[in-house]
């Protein structure tokens, strides 16, 4: 299910709002950069999802369930997961929090996941990270049914993304690129830099930018002269987990920045971009908080909708066999 519904109209409105030039990029406005906020986009997506899930329930006789596996008692994770559960309620989805004790073994966690895999009402499964140190991440990731892996962490979905097929995408990376598209920021032909190479944000965000025909460089902790790489970029996505890593003097005038970092500094949530020094330089920025974060949960539920449809239709066509969507994209030169 695509969420890019407003297409050319959004692009025209976004370019006008950002003061874009004939080449499609913008100078930083005197009044400060345009803020790319996720909440209005998320609200629009949720409205569509409410209708979609109601129609699903009417057709199939049940509301699909999102299962969230939490290993250990992590307070910040619990707060975040409660936000997801509230979003589920808003759109008519059953949210199920599966809490497993800190001292559980990898087998204990895998057994819970296998139970969820086998439950036909459960359309999507996410496992909250990080896991306790004694539980191997790969073991848990491999246990998730790829057809229910709506956050795109299973190797099969990661491979589909890399090869240009339609698997499930990591929701945060998807949201980081979607906020640019839905805000009318031109991507085709633009030079983009992604700072961070994690499997859940940096790498998939880079691949999604390539799908939009941007020219992409991935930077990381070993990059030599990070400032030079960033200064060349018209689009910058930052997901490094280091507060204030990217400063205004590192950015190209008129660049568009998406800050995905979530850090706590002096009791405040801040991103990976030093917002105060970036503001006079950039033309638009997805800030922290208020940018990608509000959009991520809505994006995740679009993945759940698609998974639920695939599974329900797959059961009709092939009995109880699970199906993974692998629709090829158009060939890309």
C-alpha atoms as a PDB file:
ATOM      1  CA  UNK A   1       0.000   0.000   0.000  1.00  0.00           C
ATOM      2  CA  UNK A   2       1.598   3.236  -1.090  1.00  0.00           C
ATOM      3  CA  UNK A   3       1.150   6.378   0.939  1.00  0.00           C
ATOM      4  CA  UNK A   4       2.430   8.826  -1.690  1.00  0.00           C
ATOM      5  CA  UNK A   5      -1.034  10.004  -2.772  1.00  0.00           C
ATOM      6  CA  UNK A   6      -0.684  13.671  -3.487  1.00  0.00           C
ATOM      7  CA  UNK A   7       2.055  13.388  -6.125  1.00  0.00           C
ATOM      8  CA  UNK A   8       2.440  16.401  -8.347  1.00  0.00           C
ATOM      9  CA  UNK A   9       0.152  18.594  -6.245  1.00  0.00           C
ATOM     10  CA  UNK A  10       2.306  18.056  -3.163  1.00  0.00           C
ATOM     11  CA  UNK A  11       5.453  18.623  -5.163  1.00  0.00           C
ATOM     12  CA  UNK A  12       4.190  21.916  -6.512  1.00  0.00           C
ATOM     13  CA  UNK A  13       2.997  23.073  -3.109  1.00  0.00           C
ATOM     14  CA  UNK A  14       6.201  21.932  -1.435  1.00  0.00           C
ATOM     15  CA  UNK A  15       8.447  23.665  -3.958  1.00  0.00           C
ATOM     16  CA  UNK A  16       6.480  26.872  -3.623  1.00  0.00           C
ATOM     17  CA  UNK A  17       6.579  26.720   0.168  1.00  0.00           C
ATOM     18  CA  UNK A  18      10.307  26.063   0.173  1.00  0.00           C
ATOM     19  CA  UNK A  19      11.068  28.762  -2.387  1.00  0.00           C
ATOM     20  CA  UNK A  20      12.684  26.346  -4.814  1.00  0.00           C
ATOM     21  CA  UNK A  21      14.583  27.633  -7.801  1.00  0.00           C
ATOM     22  CA  UNK A  22      14.311  26.464 -11.396  1.00  0.00           C
ATOM     23  CA  UNK A  23      16.694  23.596 -10.683  1.00  0.00           C
ATOM     24  CA  UNK A  24      14.460  22.370  -7.884  1.00  0.00           C
ATOM     25  CA  UNK A  25      16.613  23.255  -4.897  1.00  0.00           C
ATOM     26  CA  UNK A  26      16.198  26.190  -2.529  1.00  0.00           C
ATOM     27  CA  UNK A  27      18.100  28.860  -0.745  1.00  0.00           C
ATOM     28  CA  UNK A  28      17.573  29.104   3.008  1.00  0.00           C
ATOM     29  CA  UNK A  29      14.743  31.614   3.527  1.00  0.00           C
ATOM     30  CA  UNK A  30      15.374  34.656   5.680  1.00  0.00           C
ATOM     31  CA  UNK A  31      12.593  33.615   8.069  1.00  0.00           C
ATOM     32  CA  UNK A  32      14.274  30.274   8.728  1.00  0.00           C
ATOM     33  CA  UNK A  33      14.022  26.836   7.121  1.00  0.00           C
ATOM     34  CA  UNK A  34      10.812  25.076   6.234  1.00  0.00           C
ATOM     35  CA  UNK A  35       9.998  22.487   8.894  1.00  0.00           C
ATOM     36  CA  UNK A  36       9.117  19.077   7.484  1.00  0.00           C
ATOM     37  CA  UNK A  37       6.766  17.862  10.221  1.00  0.00           C
ATOM     38  CA  UNK A  38       5.511  14.313  10.277  1.00  0.00           C
ATOM     39  CA  UNK A  39       2.268  14.740  12.216  1.00  0.00           C
ATOM     40  CA  UNK A  40       0.064  16.158   9.411  1.00  0.00           C
ATOM     41  CA  UNK A  41       1.224  13.446   6.995  1.00  0.00           C
ATOM     42  CA  UNK A  42       0.711  10.759   9.640  1.00  0.00           C
ATOM     43  CA  UNK A  43      -2.819  12.044  10.340  1.00  0.00           C
ATOM     44  CA  UNK A  44      -3.712  11.809   6.658  1.00  0.00           C
ATOM     45  CA  UNK A  45      -2.320   8.282   6.461  1.00  0.00           C
ATOM     46  CA  UNK A  46      -4.231   7.205   9.574  1.00  0.00           C
ATOM     47  CA  UNK A  47      -7.478   8.498   8.064  1.00  0.00           C
ATOM     48  CA  UNK A  48      -6.958   6.283   5.035  1.00  0.00           C
ATOM     49  CA  UNK A  49      -5.929   3.336   7.177  1.00  0.00           C
ATOM     50  CA  UNK A  50      -9.053   3.589   9.330  1.00  0.00           C
ATOM     51  CA  UNK A  51     -11.175   3.100   6.229  1.00  0.00           C
ATOM     52  CA  UNK A  52      -8.894   0.343   4.918  1.00  0.00           C
ATOM     53  CA  UNK A  53      -8.959  -1.670   8.139  1.00  0.00           C
ATOM     54  CA  UNK A  54     -12.744  -1.262   8.455  1.00  0.00           C
ATOM     55  CA  UNK A  55     -13.142  -2.617   4.918  1.00  0.00           C
ATOM     56  CA  UNK A  56     -10.763  -5.471   5.727  1.00  0.00           C
ATOM     57  CA  UNK A  57     -12.795  -6.451   8.785  1.00  0.00           C
ATOM     58  CA  UNK A  58     -16.011  -6.351   6.787  1.00  0.00           C
ATOM     59  CA  UNK A  59     -14.561  -8.609   4.101  1.00  0.00           C
ATOM     60  CA  UNK A  60     -12.609 -11.071   6.212  1.00  0.00           C
ATOM     61  CA  UNK A  61     -14.502 -10.999   9.504  1.00  0.00           C
ATOM     62  CA  UNK A  62     -11.657 -10.009  11.836  1.00  0.00           C
ATOM     63  CA  UNK A  63      -9.347  -7.110  12.623  1.00  0.00           C
ATOM     64  CA  UNK A  64      -5.685  -7.938  11.959  1.00  0.00           C
ATOM     65  CA  UNK A  65      -3.361  -7.993  14.955  1.00  0.00           C
ATOM     66  CA  UNK A  66       0.018  -6.302  15.342  1.00  0.00           C
ATOM     67  CA  UNK A  67       2.171  -8.229  17.815  1.00  0.00           C
ATOM     68  CA  UNK A  68       4.995  -6.369  19.561  1.00  0.00           C
ATOM     69  CA  UNK A  69       7.620  -8.468  21.324  1.00  0.00           C
ATOM     70  CA  UNK A  70       9.413  -6.752  24.208  1.00  0.00           C
ATOM     71  CA  UNK A  71      12.208  -8.614  25.955  1.00  0.00           C
ATOM     72  CA  UNK A  72      13.001  -7.125  29.369  1.00  0.00           C
ATOM     73  CA  UNK A  73      11.630  -4.096  31.167  1.00  0.00           C
ATOM     74  CA  UNK A  74      12.975  -1.090  29.304  1.00  0.00           C
ATOM     75  CA  UNK A  75      11.071   2.057  30.297  1.00  0.00           C
ATOM     76  CA  UNK A  76      11.805   4.142  27.160  1.00  0.00           C
ATOM     77  CA  UNK A  77      10.842   1.197  24.970  1.00  0.00           C
ATOM     78  CA  UNK A  78       7.627   0.725  26.919  1.00  0.00           C
ATOM     79  CA  UNK A  79       6.650   4.357  26.343  1.00  0.00           C
ATOM     80  CA  UNK A  80       7.360   4.090  22.611  1.00  0.00           C
ATOM     81  CA  UNK A  81       5.431   0.843  22.324  1.00  0.00           C
ATOM     82  CA  UNK A  82       2.433   2.313  24.105  1.00  0.00           C
ATOM     83  CA  UNK A  83       2.386   4.987  21.400  1.00  0.00           C
ATOM     84  CA  UNK A  84       2.222   2.275  18.744  1.00  0.00           C
ATOM     85  CA  UNK A  85      -0.592   0.529  20.611  1.00  0.00           C
ATOM     86  CA  UNK A  86      -2.558   3.783  20.819  1.00  0.00           C
ATOM     87  CA  UNK A  87      -2.104   4.278  17.085  1.00  0.00           C
ATOM     88  CA  UNK A  88      -3.424   0.762  16.530  1.00  0.00           C
ATOM     89  CA  UNK A  89      -6.555   1.648  18.477  1.00  0.00           C
ATOM     90  CA  UNK A  90      -7.111   4.782  16.400  1.00  0.00           C
ATOM     91  CA  UNK A  91      -7.192   2.888  13.109  1.00  0.00           C
ATOM     92  CA  UNK A  92      -9.041  -0.246  14.214  1.00  0.00           C
ATOM     93  CA  UNK A  93      -6.132  -2.669  14.632  1.00  0.00           C
ATOM     94  CA  UNK A  94      -5.685  -5.127  17.470  1.00  0.00           C
ATOM     95  CA  UNK A  95      -2.391  -4.392  19.245  1.00  0.00           C
ATOM     96  CA  UNK A  96      -0.813  -7.164  21.313  1.00  0.00           C
ATOM     97  CA  UNK A  97       2.199  -6.493  23.558  1.00  0.00           C
ATOM     98  CA  UNK A  98       4.088  -9.714  24.264  1.00  0.00           C
ATOM     99  CA  UNK A  99       6.342  -9.067  27.258  1.00  0.00           C
ATOM    100  CA  UNK A 100       9.144 -11.535  27.962  1.00  0.00           C
ATOM    101  CA  UNK A 101      11.351 -11.384  31.047  1.00  0.00           C
ATOM    102  CA  UNK A 102      14.923 -10.109  30.893  1.00  0.00           C
ATOM    103  CA  UNK A 103      16.320 -13.516  31.821  1.00  0.00           C
ATOM    104  CA  UNK A 104      14.534 -15.369  29.032  1.00  0.00           C
ATOM    105  CA  UNK A 105      16.706 -17.436  26.706  1.00  0.00           C
ATOM    106  CA  UNK A 106      16.874 -17.102  22.952  1.00  0.00           C
ATOM    107  CA  UNK A 107      14.786 -20.289  22.716  1.00  0.00           C
ATOM    108  CA  UNK A 108      12.108 -18.713  24.913  1.00  0.00           C
ATOM    109  CA  UNK A 109      11.877 -15.703  22.613  1.00  0.00           C
ATOM    110  CA  UNK A 110      11.886 -17.838  19.463  1.00  0.00           C
ATOM    111  CA  UNK A 111       9.094 -20.007  20.874  1.00  0.00           C
ATOM    112  CA  UNK A 112       6.951 -16.908  21.438  1.00  0.00           C
ATOM    113  CA  UNK A 113       7.658 -15.747  17.896  1.00  0.00           C
ATOM    114  CA  UNK A 114       6.775 -19.165  16.467  1.00  0.00           C
ATOM    115  CA  UNK A 115       3.437 -18.986  18.278  1.00  0.00           C
ATOM    116  CA  UNK A 116       2.780 -15.599  16.693  1.00  0.00           C
ATOM    117  CA  UNK A 117       3.874 -16.894  13.279  1.00  0.00           C
ATOM    118  CA  UNK A 118       1.248 -19.639  13.538  1.00  0.00           C
ATOM    119  CA  UNK A 119      -1.588 -17.346  14.661  1.00  0.00           C
ATOM    120  CA  UNK A 120      -3.678 -16.426  11.585  1.00  0.00           C
ATOM    121  CA  UNK A 121      -5.022 -13.291  13.305  1.00  0.00           C
ATOM    122  CA  UNK A 122      -1.485 -11.889  13.709  1.00  0.00           C
ATOM    123  CA  UNK A 123      -0.610 -10.106  10.477  1.00  0.00           C
ATOM    124  CA  UNK A 124       2.562  -8.391  11.640  1.00  0.00           C
ATOM    125  CA  UNK A 125       5.314  -8.941  14.207  1.00  0.00           C
ATOM    126  CA  UNK A 126       7.905  -6.461  15.418  1.00  0.00           C
ATOM    127  CA  UNK A 127      10.633  -7.117  17.977  1.00  0.00           C
ATOM    128  CA  UNK A 128      11.709  -4.104  20.007  1.00  0.00           C
ATOM    129  CA  UNK A 129      15.452  -3.440  19.915  1.00  0.00           C
ATOM    130  CA  UNK A 130      17.906  -3.590  21.512  1.00  0.00           C
ATOM    131  CA  UNK A 131      17.673  -7.109  22.850  1.00  0.00           C
ATOM    132  CA  UNK A 132      19.456  -8.171  26.054  1.00  0.00           C
ATOM    133  CA  UNK A 133      23.134  -8.869  25.380  1.00  0.00           C
ATOM    134  CA  UNK A 134      22.816 -12.632  25.914  1.00  0.00           C
ATOM    135  CA  UNK A 135      20.265 -13.067  23.101  1.00  0.00           C
ATOM    136  CA  UNK A 136      21.757 -13.244  19.577  1.00  0.00           C
ATOM    137  CA  UNK A 137      19.992 -10.795  17.283  1.00  0.00           C
ATOM    138  CA  UNK A 138      20.310 -12.999  14.215  1.00  0.00           C
ATOM    139  CA  UNK A 139      18.603 -15.922  15.944  1.00  0.00           C
ATOM    140  CA  UNK A 140      15.563 -13.797  16.749  1.00  0.00           C
ATOM    141  CA  UNK A 141      15.414 -12.094  13.359  1.00  0.00           C
ATOM    142  CA  UNK A 142      15.587 -15.422  11.551  1.00  0.00           C
ATOM    143  CA  UNK A 143      12.662 -16.747  13.604  1.00  0.00           C
ATOM    144  CA  UNK A 144      10.181 -14.166  12.255  1.00  0.00           C
ATOM    145  CA  UNK A 145       7.998 -15.256   9.348  1.00  0.00           C
ATOM    146  CA  UNK A 146       9.100 -12.940   6.498  1.00  0.00           C
ATOM    147  CA  UNK A 147       5.437 -12.476   5.527  1.00  0.00           C
ATOM    148  CA  UNK A 148       4.794 -10.982   8.989  1.00  0.00           C
ATOM    149  CA  UNK A 149       8.087  -9.065   9.212  1.00  0.00           C
ATOM    150  CA  UNK A 150       6.487  -5.658   8.704  1.00  0.00           C
ATOM    151  CA  UNK A 151       9.569  -3.766   9.928  1.00  0.00           C
ATOM    152  CA  UNK A 152      11.767  -5.342   7.258  1.00  0.00           C
ATOM    153  CA  UNK A 153      14.500  -6.842   9.437  1.00  0.00           C
ATOM    154  CA  UNK A 154      14.444 -10.425   8.125  1.00  0.00           C
ATOM    155  CA  UNK A 155      17.228 -11.198   5.591  1.00  0.00           C
ATOM    156  CA  UNK A 156      14.650 -12.119   2.948  1.00  0.00           C
ATOM    157  CA  UNK A 157      13.005  -8.686   3.099  1.00  0.00           C
ATOM    158  CA  UNK A 158      16.393  -6.962   3.238  1.00  0.00           C
ATOM    159  CA  UNK A 159      17.410  -8.902   0.126  1.00  0.00           C
ATOM    160  CA  UNK A 160      14.214  -7.981  -1.703  1.00  0.00           C
ATOM    161  CA  UNK A 161      14.896  -4.315  -0.966  1.00  0.00           C
ATOM    162  CA  UNK A 162      18.483  -4.575  -2.189  1.00  0.00           C
ATOM    163  CA  UNK A 163      17.412  -6.278  -5.415  1.00  0.00           C
ATOM    164  CA  UNK A 164      14.649  -3.793  -6.162  1.00  0.00           C
ATOM    165  CA  UNK A 165      11.710  -6.040  -5.326  1.00  0.00           C
ATOM    166  CA  UNK A 166       8.774  -5.230  -3.074  1.00  0.00           C
ATOM    167  CA  UNK A 167       9.341  -6.774   0.332  1.00  0.00           C
ATOM    168  CA  UNK A 168       8.695  -5.038   3.638  1.00  0.00           C
ATOM    169  CA  UNK A 169      10.787  -1.974   4.457  1.00  0.00           C
ATOM    170  CA  UNK A 170      12.223  -0.840   7.797  1.00  0.00           C
ATOM    171  CA  UNK A 171       9.582   1.662   8.894  1.00  0.00           C
ATOM    172  CA  UNK A 172      11.932   4.421  10.091  1.00  0.00           C
ATOM    173  CA  UNK A 173      13.957   4.398   6.873  1.00  0.00           C
ATOM    174  CA  UNK A 174      10.740   4.357   4.867  1.00  0.00           C
ATOM    175  CA  UNK A 175       9.428   7.331   6.864  1.00  0.00           C
ATOM    176  CA  UNK A 176      12.674   9.278   6.371  1.00  0.00           C
ATOM    177  CA  UNK A 177      12.348   9.106   2.585  1.00  0.00           C
ATOM    178  CA  UNK A 178       8.544   9.379   2.560  1.00  0.00           C
ATOM    179  CA  UNK A 179       8.627  12.680   4.451  1.00  0.00           C
ATOM    180  CA  UNK A 180      10.757  14.095   1.627  1.00  0.00           C
ATOM    181  CA  UNK A 181       8.460  12.762  -1.082  1.00  0.00           C
ATOM    182  CA  UNK A 182       5.260  13.842   0.621  1.00  0.00           C
ATOM    183  CA  UNK A 183       6.741  17.306   1.232  1.00  0.00           C
ATOM    184  CA  UNK A 184       7.447  17.773  -2.459  1.00  0.00           C
ATOM    185  CA  UNK A 185      11.249  17.700  -2.156  1.00  0.00           C
ATOM    186  CA  UNK A 186      12.767  16.720  -5.522  1.00  0.00           C
ATOM    187  CA  UNK A 187      14.993  13.648  -5.284  1.00  0.00           C
ATOM    188  CA  UNK A 188      15.643  12.511  -8.829  1.00  0.00           C
ATOM    189  CA  UNK A 189      19.179  13.362  -9.905  1.00  0.00           C
ATOM    190  CA  UNK A 190      20.031  14.975  -6.559  1.00  0.00           C
ATOM    191  CA  UNK A 191      23.195  14.237  -4.632  1.00  0.00           C
ATOM    192  CA  UNK A 192      22.202  12.655  -1.320  1.00  0.00           C
ATOM    193  CA  UNK A 193      24.357  11.746   1.661  1.00  0.00           C
ATOM    194  CA  UNK A 194      23.202   9.290   4.326  1.00  0.00           C
ATOM    195  CA  UNK A 195      25.157   9.512   7.571  1.00  0.00           C
ATOM    196  CA  UNK A 196      24.893   6.149   9.334  1.00  0.00           C
ATOM    197  CA  UNK A 197      25.025   2.595   8.005  1.00  0.00           C
ATOM    198  CA  UNK A 198      22.714   0.619  10.299  1.00  0.00           C
ATOM    199  CA  UNK A 199      20.606  -2.168   8.851  1.00  0.00           C
ATOM    200  CA  UNK A 200      17.395  -0.518  10.073  1.00  0.00           C
ATOM    201  CA  UNK A 201      17.894   3.086   8.921  1.00  0.00           C
ATOM    202  CA  UNK A 202      21.087   4.031   7.080  1.00  0.00           C
ATOM    203  CA  UNK A 203      21.416   1.216   4.546  1.00  0.00           C
ATOM    204  CA  UNK A 204      17.713   0.920   3.683  1.00  0.00           C
ATOM    205  CA  UNK A 205      17.324   4.709   3.462  1.00  0.00           C
ATOM    206  CA  UNK A 206      20.183   4.797   0.951  1.00  0.00           C
ATOM    207  CA  UNK A 207      18.543   2.061  -1.133  1.00  0.00           C
ATOM    208  CA  UNK A 208      15.199   3.881  -1.057  1.00  0.00           C
ATOM    209  CA  UNK A 209      16.872   7.079  -2.249  1.00  0.00           C
ATOM    210  CA  UNK A 210      18.388   5.085  -5.107  1.00  0.00           C
ATOM    211  CA  UNK A 211      14.878   3.944  -6.015  1.00  0.00           C
ATOM    212  CA  UNK A 212      14.022   7.625  -6.385  1.00  0.00           C
ATOM    213  CA  UNK A 213      17.018   8.029  -8.730  1.00  0.00           C
ATOM    214  CA  UNK A 214      19.121  10.106  -6.331  1.00  0.00           C
ATOM    215  CA  UNK A 215      22.906   9.749  -6.383  1.00  0.00           C
ATOM    216  CA  UNK A 216      23.762   8.408  -2.942  1.00  0.00           C
ATOM    217  CA  UNK A 217      26.822   8.342  -0.703  1.00  0.00           C
ATOM    218  CA  UNK A 218      26.798   6.509   2.645  1.00  0.00           C
ATOM    219  CA  UNK A 219      29.024   7.950   5.382  1.00  0.00           C
ATOM    220  CA  UNK A 220      29.837   6.405   8.747  1.00  0.00           C
ATOM    221  CA  UNK A 221      32.223   6.479  11.699  1.00  0.00           C
ATOM    222  CA  UNK A 222      35.238   5.614   9.519  1.00  0.00           C
ATOM    223  CA  UNK A 223      34.528   8.188   6.803  1.00  0.00           C
ATOM    224  CA  UNK A 224      37.489  10.481   6.184  1.00  0.00           C
ATOM    225  CA  UNK A 225      36.540  14.188   6.155  1.00  0.00           C
ATOM    226  CA  UNK A 226      32.850  13.765   6.866  1.00  0.00           C
ATOM    227  CA  UNK A 227      32.318  17.518   6.544  1.00  0.00           C
ATOM    228  CA  UNK A 228      33.452  17.543   2.918  1.00  0.00           C
ATOM    229  CA  UNK A 229      31.136  14.689   2.002  1.00  0.00           C
ATOM    230  CA  UNK A 230      28.136  16.327   3.688  1.00  0.00           C
ATOM    231  CA  UNK A 231      28.861  19.744   2.201  1.00  0.00           C
ATOM    232  CA  UNK A 232      28.464  18.345  -1.315  1.00  0.00           C
ATOM    233  CA  UNK A 233      24.965  17.008  -0.602  1.00  0.00           C
ATOM    234  CA  UNK A 234      21.653  18.558  -1.597  1.00  0.00           C
ATOM    235  CA  UNK A 235      19.776  15.968   0.527  1.00  0.00           C
ATOM    236  CA  UNK A 236      21.145  14.794   3.894  1.00  0.00           C
ATOM    237  CA  UNK A 237      19.651  12.019   6.032  1.00  0.00           C
ATOM    238  CA  UNK A 238      21.369  11.638   9.403  1.00  0.00           C
ATOM    239  CA  UNK A 239      20.939   8.506  11.524  1.00  0.00           C
ATOM    240  CA  UNK A 240      24.152   8.099  13.458  1.00  0.00           C
ATOM    241  CA  UNK A 241      23.030   8.247  17.100  1.00  0.00           C
ATOM    242  CA  UNK A 242      25.461  11.058  17.940  1.00  0.00           C
ATOM    243  CA  UNK A 243      23.896  14.305  19.151  1.00  0.00           C
ATOM    244  CA  UNK A 244      25.034  17.417  17.301  1.00  0.00           C
ATOM    245  CA  UNK A 245      27.211  15.437  14.885  1.00  0.00           C
ATOM    246  CA  UNK A 246      26.209  17.540  11.859  1.00  0.00           C
ATOM    247  CA  UNK A 247      26.615  21.298  12.245  1.00  0.00           C
ATOM    248  CA  UNK A 248      25.610  24.204  10.054  1.00  0.00           C
ATOM    249  CA  UNK A 249      29.127  24.819   8.771  1.00  0.00           C
ATOM    250  CA  UNK A 250      29.162  21.262   7.362  1.00  0.00           C
ATOM    251  CA  UNK A 251      26.007  21.792   5.289  1.00  0.00           C
ATOM    252  CA  UNK A 252      25.562  23.151   1.800  1.00  0.00           C
ATOM    253  CA  UNK A 253      23.447  26.336   1.662  1.00  0.00           C
ATOM    254  CA  UNK A 254      19.889  25.381   0.719  1.00  0.00           C
ATOM    255  CA  UNK A 255      20.322  21.697   1.565  1.00  0.00           C
ATOM    256  CA  UNK A 256      17.374  19.647   2.803  1.00  0.00           C
ATOM    257  CA  UNK A 257      18.036  17.696   6.012  1.00  0.00           C
ATOM    258  CA  UNK A 258      16.182  14.779   7.590  1.00  0.00           C
ATOM    259  CA  UNK A 259      17.311  14.198  11.176  1.00  0.00           C
ATOM    260  CA  UNK A 260      16.522  10.669  12.352  1.00  0.00           C
ATOM    261  CA  UNK A 261      18.657  10.738  15.508  1.00  0.00           C
ATOM    262  CA  UNK A 262      17.004  10.297  18.897  1.00  0.00           C
ATOM    263  CA  UNK A 263      19.282  11.295  21.782  1.00  0.00           C
ATOM    264  CA  UNK A 264      18.710  12.565  25.301  1.00  0.00           C
ATOM    265  CA  UNK A 265      20.846  15.532  26.299  1.00  0.00           C
ATOM    266  CA  UNK A 266      20.279  17.436  29.534  1.00  0.00           C
ATOM    267  CA  UNK A 267      16.809  15.966  29.820  1.00  0.00           C
ATOM    268  CA  UNK A 268      15.778  16.958  26.278  1.00  0.00           C
ATOM    269  CA  UNK A 269      15.307  14.840  23.172  1.00  0.00           C
ATOM    270  CA  UNK A 270      17.654  16.063  20.454  1.00  0.00           C
ATOM    271  CA  UNK A 271      18.712  14.797  17.060  1.00  0.00           C
ATOM    272  CA  UNK A 272      22.027  14.174  15.346  1.00  0.00           C
ATOM    273  CA  UNK A 273      21.948  17.632  13.732  1.00  0.00           C
ATOM    274  CA  UNK A 274      22.823  20.789  15.635  1.00  0.00           C
ATOM    275  CA  UNK A 275      19.547  22.528  14.830  1.00  0.00           C
ATOM    276  CA  UNK A 276      20.628  26.007  15.948  1.00  0.00           C
ATOM    277  CA  UNK A 277      23.604  26.198  13.587  1.00  0.00           C
ATOM    278  CA  UNK A 278      21.838  24.350  10.746  1.00  0.00           C
ATOM    279  CA  UNK A 279      18.748  26.594  10.680  1.00  0.00           C
ATOM    280  CA  UNK A 280      20.383  29.625   8.987  1.00  0.00           C
ATOM    281  CA  UNK A 281      21.895  27.389   6.284  1.00  0.00           C
ATOM    282  CA  UNK A 282      19.333  24.802   5.174  1.00  0.00           C
ATOM    283  CA  UNK A 283      16.147  25.357   3.179  1.00  0.00           C
ATOM    284  CA  UNK A 284      14.164  22.626   4.941  1.00  0.00           C
ATOM    285  CA  UNK A 285      14.654  20.242   7.849  1.00  0.00           C
ATOM    286  CA  UNK A 286      12.742  17.360   9.408  1.00  0.00           C
ATOM    287  CA  UNK A 287      13.405  18.214  13.066  1.00  0.00           C
ATOM    288  CA  UNK A 288      13.732  16.216  16.268  1.00  0.00           C
ATOM    289  CA  UNK A 289      11.256  15.886  17.802  1.00  0.00           C
ATOM    290  CA  UNK A 290       8.333  16.246  15.413  1.00  0.00           C
ATOM    291  CA  UNK A 291       9.791  15.120  12.093  1.00  0.00           C
ATOM    292  CA  UNK A 292      10.224  11.463  11.165  1.00  0.00           C
ATOM    293  CA  UNK A 293       9.070  10.117  14.545  1.00  0.00           C
ATOM    294  CA  UNK A 294       5.318  10.811  14.228  1.00  0.00           C
ATOM    295  CA  UNK A 295       5.313   9.404  10.704  1.00  0.00           C
ATOM    296  CA  UNK A 296       7.047   6.113  11.503  1.00  0.00           C
ATOM    297  CA  UNK A 297       4.123   4.502  13.339  1.00  0.00           C
ATOM    298  CA  UNK A 298       1.684   5.387  10.568  1.00  0.00           C
ATOM    299  CA  UNK A 299       4.065   3.969   7.964  1.00  0.00           C
ATOM    300  CA  UNK A 300       4.402   0.782  10.020  1.00  0.00           C
ATOM    301  CA  UNK A 301       0.642   0.292   9.933  1.00  0.00           C
ATOM    302  CA  UNK A 302       0.551   0.675   6.150  1.00  0.00           C
ATOM    303  CA  UNK A 303       2.923  -2.289   6.116  1.00  0.00           C
ATOM    304  CA  UNK A 304       0.559  -4.164   8.441  1.00  0.00           C
ATOM    305  CA  UNK A 305      -2.352  -3.476   6.096  1.00  0.00           C
ATOM    306  CA  UNK A 306      -0.448  -4.885   3.161  1.00  0.00           C
ATOM    307  CA  UNK A 307       0.668  -7.925   5.134  1.00  0.00           C
ATOM    308  CA  UNK A 308      -2.894  -8.631   6.314  1.00  0.00           C
ATOM    309  CA  UNK A 309      -4.248  -8.504   2.776  1.00  0.00           C
ATOM    310  CA  UNK A 310      -1.471 -10.717   1.421  1.00  0.00           C
ATOM    311  CA  UNK A 311      -2.028 -13.309   4.120  1.00  0.00           C
ATOM    312  CA  UNK A 312      -5.827 -13.353   3.887  1.00  0.00           C
ATOM    313  CA  UNK A 313      -5.775 -13.636   0.110  1.00  0.00           C
ATOM    314  CA  UNK A 314      -2.969 -16.186   0.276  1.00  0.00           C
ATOM    315  CA  UNK A 315      -4.975 -18.430   2.599  1.00  0.00           C
ATOM    316  CA  UNK A 316      -7.851 -18.379   0.149  1.00  0.00           C
ATOM    317  CA  UNK A 317      -5.606 -19.182  -2.816  1.00  0.00           C
ATOM    318  CA  UNK A 318      -3.217 -21.677  -1.237  1.00  0.00           C
ATOM    319  CA  UNK A 319      -4.714 -22.868   2.023  1.00  0.00           C
ATOM    320  CA  UNK A 320      -2.643 -21.907   5.052  1.00  0.00           C
ATOM    321  CA  UNK A 321       0.591 -21.336   3.180  1.00  0.00           C
ATOM    322  CA  UNK A 322       2.209 -17.964   3.929  1.00  0.00           C
ATOM    323  CA  UNK A 323       3.095 -15.704   1.037  1.00  0.00           C
ATOM    324  CA  UNK A 324       5.752 -13.022   0.705  1.00  0.00           C
ATOM    325  CA  UNK A 325       5.010 -10.182  -1.733  1.00  0.00           C
ATOM    326  CA  UNK A 326       7.705 -10.045  -4.420  1.00  0.00           C
ATOM    327  CA  UNK A 327       6.334  -7.765  -7.100  1.00  0.00           C
ATOM    328  CA  UNK A 328       9.193  -6.588  -9.313  1.00  0.00           C
ATOM    329  CA  UNK A 329       9.745  -2.879  -9.726  1.00  0.00           C
ATOM    330  CA  UNK A 330      10.236  -1.375 -13.146  1.00  0.00           C
ATOM    331  CA  UNK A 331      13.777  -1.899 -14.423  1.00  0.00           C
ATOM    332  CA  UNK A 332      16.108   0.883 -13.383  1.00  0.00           C
ATOM    333  CA  UNK A 333      19.113   1.871 -15.480  1.00  0.00           C
END
